[in-house]
Amino acid sequence: MDNKFPEHEKMQLVAGKSYVIGEFLDWLVNEKKVVFAQYKEHRHDDILEEYEYKTIPEWLAEYYKIDLKKIEKEKQKMLSQLKNIG
């Protein structure tokens, strides 16, 4: 892939590892009913606990420092280029 799609290049470099980790996380979520969330706000005295939930692809993207918004923009650019070829 050329340098026009840098986020896709980053994603491609980690695809093998990311897939294996994603499969494991998917198993935990679907088979073991594990929920992945992080505290958005947490107070002991008021007992207010708010959580931020993310999908497995969102967690993986964050871990590998891949910007999913940039990925989407690159996909749109790819589709536009393919339409211009055809």
PDB file of N, CA and C in Angstrom:
ATOM      1  N   MET A   1       0.848  -1.164   0.000  1.00  0.00           N
ATOM      2  CA  MET A   1       0.000   0.000   0.000  1.00  0.00           C
ATOM      3  C   MET A   1       0.901   1.236   0.000  1.00  0.00           C
ATOM      4  N   ASP A   2       0.514   2.264  -0.753  1.00  0.00           N
ATOM      5  CA  ASP A   2       1.346   3.456  -0.803  1.00  0.00           C
ATOM      6  C   ASP A   2       1.090   4.343   0.408  1.00  0.00           C
ATOM      7  N   ASN A   3       1.835   5.429   0.472  1.00  0.00           N
ATOM      8  CA  ASN A   3       1.794   6.298   1.635  1.00  0.00           C
ATOM      9  C   ASN A   3       0.543   7.173   1.692  1.00  0.00           C
ATOM     10  N   LYS A   4      -0.388   7.021   0.753  1.00  0.00           N
ATOM     11  CA  LYS A   4      -1.626   7.791   0.776  1.00  0.00           C
ATOM     12  C   LYS A   4      -2.556   7.333   1.897  1.00  0.00           C
ATOM     13  N   PHE A   5      -2.306   6.157   2.428  1.00  0.00           N
ATOM     14  CA  PHE A   5      -3.176   5.565   3.441  1.00  0.00           C
ATOM     15  C   PHE A   5      -2.362   5.130   4.669  1.00  0.00           C
ATOM     16  N   PRO A   6      -1.790   6.097   5.397  1.00  0.00           N
ATOM     17  CA  PRO A   6      -0.885   5.740   6.506  1.00  0.00           C
ATOM     18  C   PRO A   6      -1.547   4.976   7.650  1.00  0.00           C
ATOM     19  N   GLU A   7      -2.806   5.282   7.974  1.00  0.00           N
ATOM     20  CA  GLU A   7      -3.460   4.545   9.062  1.00  0.00           C
ATOM     21  C   GLU A   7      -3.685   3.095   8.663  1.00  0.00           C
ATOM     22  N   HIS A   8      -4.018   2.859   7.406  1.00  0.00           N
ATOM     23  CA  HIS A   8      -4.186   1.481   6.934  1.00  0.00           C
ATOM     24  C   HIS A   8      -2.853   0.736   6.951  1.00  0.00           C
ATOM     25  N   GLU A   9      -1.777   1.447   6.660  1.00  0.00           N
ATOM     26  CA  GLU A   9      -0.458   0.821   6.734  1.00  0.00           C
ATOM     27  C   GLU A   9      -0.144   0.389   8.162  1.00  0.00           C
ATOM     28  N   LYS A  10      -0.421   1.291   9.130  1.00  0.00           N
ATOM     29  CA  LYS A  10      -0.209   0.943  10.537  1.00  0.00           C
ATOM     30  C   LYS A  10      -1.061  -0.263  10.924  1.00  0.00           C
ATOM     31  N   MET A  11      -2.309  -0.259  10.476  1.00  0.00           N
ATOM     32  CA  MET A  11      -3.220  -1.351  10.803  1.00  0.00           C
ATOM     33  C   MET A  11      -2.727  -2.668  10.191  1.00  0.00           C
ATOM     34  N   GLN A  12      -2.222  -2.601   8.981  1.00  0.00           N
ATOM     35  CA  GLN A  12      -1.722  -3.798   8.302  1.00  0.00           C
ATOM     36  C   GLN A  12      -0.525  -4.396   9.042  1.00  0.00           C
ATOM     37  N   LEU A  13       0.327  -3.538   9.594  1.00  0.00           N
ATOM     38  CA  LEU A  13       1.516  -4.009  10.310  1.00  0.00           C
ATOM     39  C   LEU A  13       1.180  -4.823  11.556  1.00  0.00           C
ATOM     40  N   VAL A  14       0.050  -4.544  12.174  1.00  0.00           N
ATOM     41  CA  VAL A  14      -0.321  -5.238  13.418  1.00  0.00           C
ATOM     42  C   VAL A  14      -1.474  -6.219  13.213  1.00  0.00           C
ATOM     43  N   ALA A  15      -1.889  -6.418  11.977  1.00  0.00           N
ATOM     44  CA  ALA A  15      -3.087  -7.219  11.692  1.00  0.00           C
ATOM     45  C   ALA A  15      -3.038  -8.618  12.303  1.00  0.00           C
ATOM     46  N   GLY A  16      -1.919  -9.305  12.194  1.00  0.00           N
ATOM     47  CA  GLY A  16      -1.823 -10.673  12.730  1.00  0.00           C
ATOM     48  C   GLY A  16      -1.993 -10.716  14.230  1.00  0.00           C
ATOM     49  N   LYS A  17      -1.226  -9.877  14.931  1.00  0.00           N
ATOM     50  CA  LYS A  17      -1.310  -9.833  16.395  1.00  0.00           C
ATOM     51  C   LYS A  17      -2.688  -9.348  16.838  1.00  0.00           C
ATOM     52  N   SER A  18      -3.175  -8.322  16.167  1.00  0.00           N
ATOM     53  CA  SER A  18      -4.464  -7.739  16.516  1.00  0.00           C
ATOM     54  C   SER A  18      -5.589  -8.754  16.349  1.00  0.00           C
ATOM     55  N   TYR A  19      -5.518  -9.556  15.307  1.00  0.00           N
ATOM     56  CA  TYR A  19      -6.548 -10.565  15.060  1.00  0.00           C
ATOM     57  C   TYR A  19      -6.596 -11.586  16.198  1.00  0.00           C
ATOM     58  N   VAL A  20      -5.428 -12.058  16.608  1.00  0.00           N
ATOM     59  CA  VAL A  20      -5.362 -13.063  17.680  1.00  0.00           C
ATOM     60  C   VAL A  20      -5.888 -12.483  18.986  1.00  0.00           C
ATOM     61  N   ILE A  21      -5.470 -11.281  19.311  1.00  0.00           N
ATOM     62  CA  ILE A  21      -5.957 -10.640  20.532  1.00  0.00           C
ATOM     63  C   ILE A  21      -7.466 -10.417  20.439  1.00  0.00           C
ATOM     64  N   GLY A  22      -7.924  -9.963  19.285  1.00  0.00           N
ATOM     65  CA  GLY A  22      -9.352  -9.732  19.077  1.00  0.00           C
ATOM     66  C   GLY A  22     -10.178 -10.994  19.229  1.00  0.00           C
ATOM     67  N   GLU A  23      -9.678 -12.103  18.714  1.00  0.00           N
ATOM     68  CA  GLU A  23     -10.369 -13.388  18.864  1.00  0.00           C
ATOM     69  C   GLU A  23     -10.504 -13.768  20.339  1.00  0.00           C
ATOM     70  N   PHE A  24      -9.425 -13.572  21.093  1.00  0.00           N
ATOM     71  CA  PHE A  24      -9.450 -13.882  22.520  1.00  0.00           C
ATOM     72  C   PHE A  24     -10.448 -12.986  23.256  1.00  0.00           C
ATOM     73  N   LEU A  25     -10.395 -11.675  22.973  1.00  0.00           N
ATOM     74  CA  LEU A  25     -11.322 -10.752  23.615  1.00  0.00           C
ATOM     75  C   LEU A  25     -12.770 -11.073  23.239  1.00  0.00           C
ATOM     76  N   ASP A  26     -12.998 -11.428  22.000  1.00  0.00           N
ATOM     77  CA  ASP A  26     -14.332 -11.808  21.548  1.00  0.00           C
ATOM     78  C   ASP A  26     -14.825 -13.034  22.311  1.00  0.00           C
ATOM     79  N   TRP A  27     -13.946 -13.993  22.528  1.00  0.00           N
ATOM     80  CA  TRP A  27     -14.293 -15.184  23.297  1.00  0.00           C
ATOM     81  C   TRP A  27     -14.671 -14.798  24.734  1.00  0.00           C
ATOM     82  N   LEU A  28     -13.874 -13.918  25.343  1.00  0.00           N
ATOM     83  CA  LEU A  28     -14.183 -13.481  26.708  1.00  0.00           C
ATOM     84  C   LEU A  28     -15.553 -12.808  26.774  1.00  0.00           C
ATOM     85  N   VAL A  29     -15.841 -11.941  25.815  1.00  0.00           N
ATOM     86  CA  VAL A  29     -17.099 -11.200  25.814  1.00  0.00           C
ATOM     87  C   VAL A  29     -18.285 -12.127  25.554  1.00  0.00           C
ATOM     88  N   ASN A  30     -18.181 -12.956  24.532  1.00  0.00           N
ATOM     89  CA  ASN A  30     -19.331 -13.769  24.115  1.00  0.00           C
ATOM     90  C   ASN A  30     -19.505 -15.067  24.888  1.00  0.00           C
ATOM     91  N   GLU A  31     -18.423 -15.687  25.281  1.00  0.00           N
ATOM     92  CA  GLU A  31     -18.528 -16.964  25.989  1.00  0.00           C
ATOM     93  C   GLU A  31     -18.521 -16.801  27.510  1.00  0.00           C
ATOM     94  N   LYS A  32     -17.706 -15.898  27.988  1.00  0.00           N
ATOM     95  CA  LYS A  32     -17.536 -15.729  29.435  1.00  0.00           C
ATOM     96  C   LYS A  32     -18.278 -14.518  29.981  1.00  0.00           C
ATOM     97  N   LYS A  33     -18.928 -13.765  29.083  1.00  0.00           N
ATOM     98  CA  LYS A  33     -19.742 -12.598  29.468  1.00  0.00           C
ATOM     99  C   LYS A  33     -18.936 -11.536  30.212  1.00  0.00           C
ATOM    100  N   VAL A  34     -17.668 -11.377  29.837  1.00  0.00           N
ATOM    101  CA  VAL A  34     -16.820 -10.333  30.399  1.00  0.00           C
ATOM    102  C   VAL A  34     -17.200  -9.009  29.735  1.00  0.00           C
ATOM    103  N   VAL A  35     -17.212  -7.943  30.519  1.00  0.00           N
ATOM    104  CA  VAL A  35     -17.521  -6.614  30.009  1.00  0.00           C
ATOM    105  C   VAL A  35     -16.281  -5.746  30.171  1.00  0.00           C
ATOM    106  N   PHE A  36     -15.853  -5.132  29.095  1.00  0.00           N
ATOM    107  CA  PHE A  36     -14.699  -4.243  29.144  1.00  0.00           C
ATOM    108  C   PHE A  36     -15.187  -2.799  29.191  1.00  0.00           C
ATOM    109  N   ALA A  37     -14.820  -2.123  30.265  1.00  0.00           N
ATOM    110  CA  ALA A  37     -15.203  -0.723  30.433  1.00  0.00           C
ATOM    111  C   ALA A  37     -14.141  -0.055  31.292  1.00  0.00           C
ATOM    112  N   GLN A  38     -14.139   1.258  31.227  1.00  0.00           N
ATOM    113  CA  GLN A  38     -13.253   2.001  32.113  1.00  0.00           C
ATOM    114  C   GLN A  38     -14.064   3.068  32.822  1.00  0.00           C
ATOM    115  N   TYR A  39     -13.582   3.457  33.980  1.00  0.00           N
ATOM    116  CA  TYR A  39     -14.288   4.490  34.722  1.00  0.00           C
ATOM    117  C   TYR A  39     -14.268   5.794  33.941  1.00  0.00           C
ATOM    118  N   LYS A  40     -15.421   6.360  33.753  1.00  0.00           N
ATOM    119  CA  LYS A  40     -15.526   7.694  33.193  1.00  0.00           C
ATOM    120  C   LYS A  40     -15.518   8.684  34.357  1.00  0.00           C
ATOM    121  N   GLU A  41     -16.254   8.320  35.390  1.00  0.00           N
ATOM    122  CA  GLU A  41     -16.290   9.101  36.626  1.00  0.00           C
ATOM    123  C   GLU A  41     -16.540   8.122  37.756  1.00  0.00           C
ATOM    124  N   HIS A  42     -15.848   8.313  38.851  1.00  0.00           N
ATOM    125  CA  HIS A  42     -15.958   7.371  39.958  1.00  0.00           C
ATOM    126  C   HIS A  42     -15.830   8.138  41.272  1.00  0.00           C
ATOM    127  N   ARG A  43     -16.837   8.019  42.111  1.00  0.00           N
ATOM    128  CA  ARG A  43     -16.808   8.639  43.444  1.00  0.00           C
ATOM    129  C   ARG A  43     -17.282   7.622  44.459  1.00  0.00           C
ATOM    130  N   HIS A  44     -16.529   7.457  45.511  1.00  0.00           N
ATOM    131  CA  HIS A  44     -16.924   6.501  46.552  1.00  0.00           C
ATOM    132  C   HIS A  44     -18.000   7.047  47.461  1.00  0.00           C
ATOM    133  N   ASP A  45     -17.896   8.313  47.841  1.00  0.00           N
ATOM    134  CA  ASP A  45     -18.842   8.844  48.822  1.00  0.00           C
ATOM    135  C   ASP A  45     -20.255   8.950  48.264  1.00  0.00           C
ATOM    136  N   ASP A  46     -20.406   9.369  47.016  1.00  0.00           N
ATOM    137  CA  ASP A  46     -21.750   9.476  46.425  1.00  0.00           C
ATOM    138  C   ASP A  46     -22.194   8.166  45.770  1.00  0.00           C
ATOM    139  N   ILE A  47     -21.290   7.236  45.616  1.00  0.00           N
ATOM    140  CA  ILE A  47     -21.502   5.974  44.927  1.00  0.00           C
ATOM    141  C   ILE A  47     -21.861   6.181  43.451  1.00  0.00           C
ATOM    142  N   LEU A  48     -21.444   7.312  42.889  1.00  0.00           N
ATOM    143  CA  LEU A  48     -21.655   7.543  41.460  1.00  0.00           C
ATOM    144  C   LEU A  48     -20.549   6.839  40.695  1.00  0.00           C
ATOM    145  N   GLU A  49     -20.929   5.957  39.829  1.00  0.00           N
ATOM    146  CA  GLU A  49     -19.961   5.278  38.977  1.00  0.00           C
ATOM    147  C   GLU A  49     -20.476   5.324  37.555  1.00  0.00           C
ATOM    148  N   GLU A  50     -19.727   5.962  36.687  1.00  0.00           N
ATOM    149  CA  GLU A  50     -20.060   5.988  35.276  1.00  0.00           C
ATOM    150  C   GLU A  50     -18.940   5.288  34.520  1.00  0.00           C
ATOM    151  N   TYR A  51     -19.332   4.517  33.554  1.00  0.00           N
ATOM    152  CA  TYR A  51     -18.363   3.746  32.791  1.00  0.00           C
ATOM    153  C   TYR A  51     -18.399   4.140  31.328  1.00  0.00           C
ATOM    154  N   GLU A  52     -17.269   3.983  30.689  1.00  0.00           N
ATOM    155  CA  GLU A  52     -17.178   4.181  29.253  1.00  0.00           C
ATOM    156  C   GLU A  52     -16.956   2.805  28.629  1.00  0.00           C
ATOM    157  N   TYR A  53     -17.861   2.435  27.764  1.00  0.00           N
ATOM    158  CA  TYR A  53     -17.771   1.138  27.101  1.00  0.00           C
ATOM    159  C   TYR A  53     -17.266   1.339  25.683  1.00  0.00           C
ATOM    160  N   LYS A  54     -16.426   0.427  25.230  1.00  0.00           N
ATOM    161  CA  LYS A  54     -15.909   0.476  23.862  1.00  0.00           C
ATOM    162  C   LYS A  54     -16.036  -0.913  23.261  1.00  0.00           C
ATOM    163  N   THR A  55     -16.071  -0.943  21.951  1.00  0.00           N
ATOM    164  CA  THR A  55     -16.084  -2.224  21.257  1.00  0.00           C
ATOM    165  C   THR A  55     -14.668  -2.794  21.230  1.00  0.00           C
ATOM    166  N   ILE A  56     -14.564  -4.063  20.922  1.00  0.00           N
ATOM    167  CA  ILE A  56     -13.244  -4.694  20.815  1.00  0.00           C
ATOM    168  C   ILE A  56     -12.387  -3.976  19.765  1.00  0.00           C
ATOM    169  N   PRO A  57     -12.923  -3.672  18.569  1.00  0.00           N
ATOM    170  CA  PRO A  57     -12.090  -2.929  17.606  1.00  0.00           C
ATOM    171  C   PRO A  57     -11.638  -1.563  18.137  1.00  0.00           C
ATOM    172  N   GLU A  58     -12.459  -0.908  18.930  1.00  0.00           N
ATOM    173  CA  GLU A  58     -12.057   0.386  19.505  1.00  0.00           C
ATOM    174  C   GLU A  58     -10.915   0.216  20.505  1.00  0.00           C
ATOM    175  N   TRP A  59     -10.991  -0.815  21.348  1.00  0.00           N
ATOM    176  CA  TRP A  59      -9.903  -1.073  22.294  1.00  0.00           C
ATOM    177  C   TRP A  59      -8.614  -1.410  21.555  1.00  0.00           C
ATOM    178  N   LEU A  60      -8.717  -2.253  20.528  1.00  0.00           N
ATOM    179  CA  LEU A  60      -7.520  -2.629  19.765  1.00  0.00           C
ATOM    180  C   LEU A  60      -6.914  -1.420  19.059  1.00  0.00           C
ATOM    181  N   ALA A  61      -7.748  -0.588  18.476  1.00  0.00           N
ATOM    182  CA  ALA A  61      -7.258   0.613  17.796  1.00  0.00           C
ATOM    183  C   ALA A  61      -6.537   1.522  18.786  1.00  0.00           C
ATOM    184  N   GLU A  62      -7.114   1.673  19.961  1.00  0.00           N
ATOM    185  CA  GLU A  62      -6.467   2.512  20.976  1.00  0.00           C
ATOM    186  C   GLU A  62      -5.117   1.926  21.380  1.00  0.00           C
ATOM    187  N   TYR A  63      -5.076   0.625  21.592  1.00  0.00           N
ATOM    188  CA  TYR A  63      -3.833  -0.040  21.999  1.00  0.00           C
ATOM    189  C   TYR A  63      -2.742   0.126  20.943  1.00  0.00           C
ATOM    190  N   TYR A  64      -3.108  -0.049  19.683  1.00  0.00           N
ATOM    191  CA  TYR A  64      -2.140   0.037  18.587  1.00  0.00           C
ATOM    192  C   TYR A  64      -2.000   1.451  18.025  1.00  0.00           C
ATOM    193  N   LYS A  65      -2.648   2.438  18.674  1.00  0.00           N
ATOM    194  CA  LYS A  65      -2.564   3.843  18.278  1.00  0.00           C
ATOM    195  C   LYS A  65      -2.995   4.062  16.827  1.00  0.00           C
ATOM    196  N   ILE A  66      -4.128   3.470  16.498  1.00  0.00           N
ATOM    197  CA  ILE A  66      -4.719   3.623  15.171  1.00  0.00           C
ATOM    198  C   ILE A  66      -5.955   4.494  15.325  1.00  0.00           C
ATOM    199  N   ASP A  67      -6.044   5.520  14.517  1.00  0.00           N
ATOM    200  CA  ASP A  67      -7.154   6.471  14.577  1.00  0.00           C
ATOM    201  C   ASP A  67      -8.283   5.966  13.676  1.00  0.00           C
ATOM    202  N   LEU A  68      -9.370   5.514  14.281  1.00  0.00           N
ATOM    203  CA  LEU A  68     -10.477   4.946  13.501  1.00  0.00           C
ATOM    204  C   LEU A  68     -11.175   5.984  12.621  1.00  0.00           C
ATOM    205  N   LYS A  69     -11.149   7.240  13.028  1.00  0.00           N
ATOM    206  CA  LYS A  69     -11.722   8.285  12.169  1.00  0.00           C
ATOM    207  C   LYS A  69     -10.885   8.473  10.914  1.00  0.00           C
ATOM    208  N   LYS A  70      -9.570   8.398  11.067  1.00  0.00           N
ATOM    209  CA  LYS A  70      -8.683   8.482   9.900  1.00  0.00           C
ATOM    210  C   LYS A  70      -8.863   7.262   9.007  1.00  0.00           C
ATOM    211  N   ILE A  71      -9.060   6.098   9.618  1.00  0.00           N
ATOM    212  CA  ILE A  71      -9.306   4.873   8.841  1.00  0.00           C
ATOM    213  C   ILE A  71     -10.533   5.074   7.958  1.00  0.00           C
ATOM    214  N   GLU A  72     -11.597   5.619   8.522  1.00  0.00           N
ATOM    215  CA  GLU A  72     -12.831   5.833   7.767  1.00  0.00           C
ATOM    216  C   GLU A  72     -12.613   6.833   6.627  1.00  0.00           C
ATOM    217  N   LYS A  73     -11.871   7.895   6.886  1.00  0.00           N
ATOM    218  CA  LYS A  73     -11.575   8.871   5.834  1.00  0.00           C
ATOM    219  C   LYS A  73     -10.760   8.232   4.713  1.00  0.00           C
ATOM    220  N   GLU A  74      -9.801   7.393   5.094  1.00  0.00           N
ATOM    221  CA  GLU A  74      -8.996   6.708   4.087  1.00  0.00           C
ATOM    222  C   GLU A  74      -9.850   5.746   3.266  1.00  0.00           C
ATOM    223  N   LYS A  75     -10.788   5.068   3.906  1.00  0.00           N
ATOM    224  CA  LYS A  75     -11.690   4.171   3.173  1.00  0.00           C
ATOM    225  C   LYS A  75     -12.494   4.953   2.145  1.00  0.00           C
ATOM    226  N   GLN A  76     -12.996   6.124   2.550  1.00  0.00           N
ATOM    227  CA  GLN A  76     -13.763   6.955   1.617  1.00  0.00           C
ATOM    228  C   GLN A  76     -12.893   7.387   0.441  1.00  0.00           C
ATOM    229  N   LYS A  77     -11.641   7.710   0.714  1.00  0.00           N
ATOM    230  CA  LYS A  77     -10.697   8.101  -0.336  1.00  0.00           C
ATOM    231  C   LYS A  77     -10.447   6.928  -1.279  1.00  0.00           C
ATOM    232  N   MET A  78     -10.284   5.731  -0.716  1.00  0.00           N
ATOM    233  CA  MET A  78     -10.082   4.532  -1.529  1.00  0.00           C
ATOM    234  C   MET A  78     -11.276   4.291  -2.446  1.00  0.00           C
ATOM    235  N   LEU A  79     -12.473   4.383  -1.871  1.00  0.00           N
ATOM    236  CA  LEU A  79     -13.690   4.173  -2.677  1.00  0.00           C
ATOM    237  C   LEU A  79     -13.798   5.209  -3.784  1.00  0.00           C
ATOM    238  N   SER A  80     -13.470   6.429  -3.476  1.00  0.00           N
ATOM    239  CA  SER A  80     -13.511   7.488  -4.480  1.00  0.00           C
ATOM    240  C   SER A  80     -12.541   7.196  -5.620  1.00  0.00           C
ATOM    241  N   GLN A  81     -11.339   6.742  -5.264  1.00  0.00           N
ATOM    242  CA  GLN A  81     -10.349   6.407  -6.291  1.00  0.00           C
ATOM    243  C   GLN A  81     -10.796   5.226  -7.137  1.00  0.00           C
ATOM    244  N   LEU A  82     -11.427   4.236  -6.493  1.00  0.00           N
ATOM    245  CA  LEU A  82     -11.917   3.084  -7.256  1.00  0.00           C
ATOM    246  C   LEU A  82     -13.032   3.485  -8.220  1.00  0.00           C
ATOM    247  N   LYS A  83     -13.893   4.386  -7.809  1.00  0.00           N
ATOM    248  CA  LYS A  83     -14.958   4.862  -8.692  1.00  0.00           C
ATOM    249  C   LYS A  83     -14.399   5.595  -9.897  1.00  0.00           C
ATOM    250  N   ASN A  84     -13.299   6.321  -9.692  1.00  0.00           N
ATOM    251  CA  ASN A  84     -12.679   7.066 -10.785  1.00  0.00           C
ATOM    252  C   ASN A  84     -11.963   6.151 -11.767  1.00  0.00           C
ATOM    253  N   ILE A  85     -11.548   4.965 -11.310  1.00  0.00           N
ATOM    254  CA  ILE A  85     -10.878   3.988 -12.188  1.00  0.00           C
ATOM    255  C   ILE A  85     -11.906   3.337 -13.115  1.00  0.00           C
ATOM    256  N   GLY A  86     -13.071   3.006 -12.549  1.00  0.00           N
ATOM    257  CA  GLY A  86     -14.097   2.263 -13.280  1.00  0.00           C
ATOM    258  C   GLY A  86     -14.887   3.114 -14.149  1.00  0.00           C
TER     259      GLY A  86
END
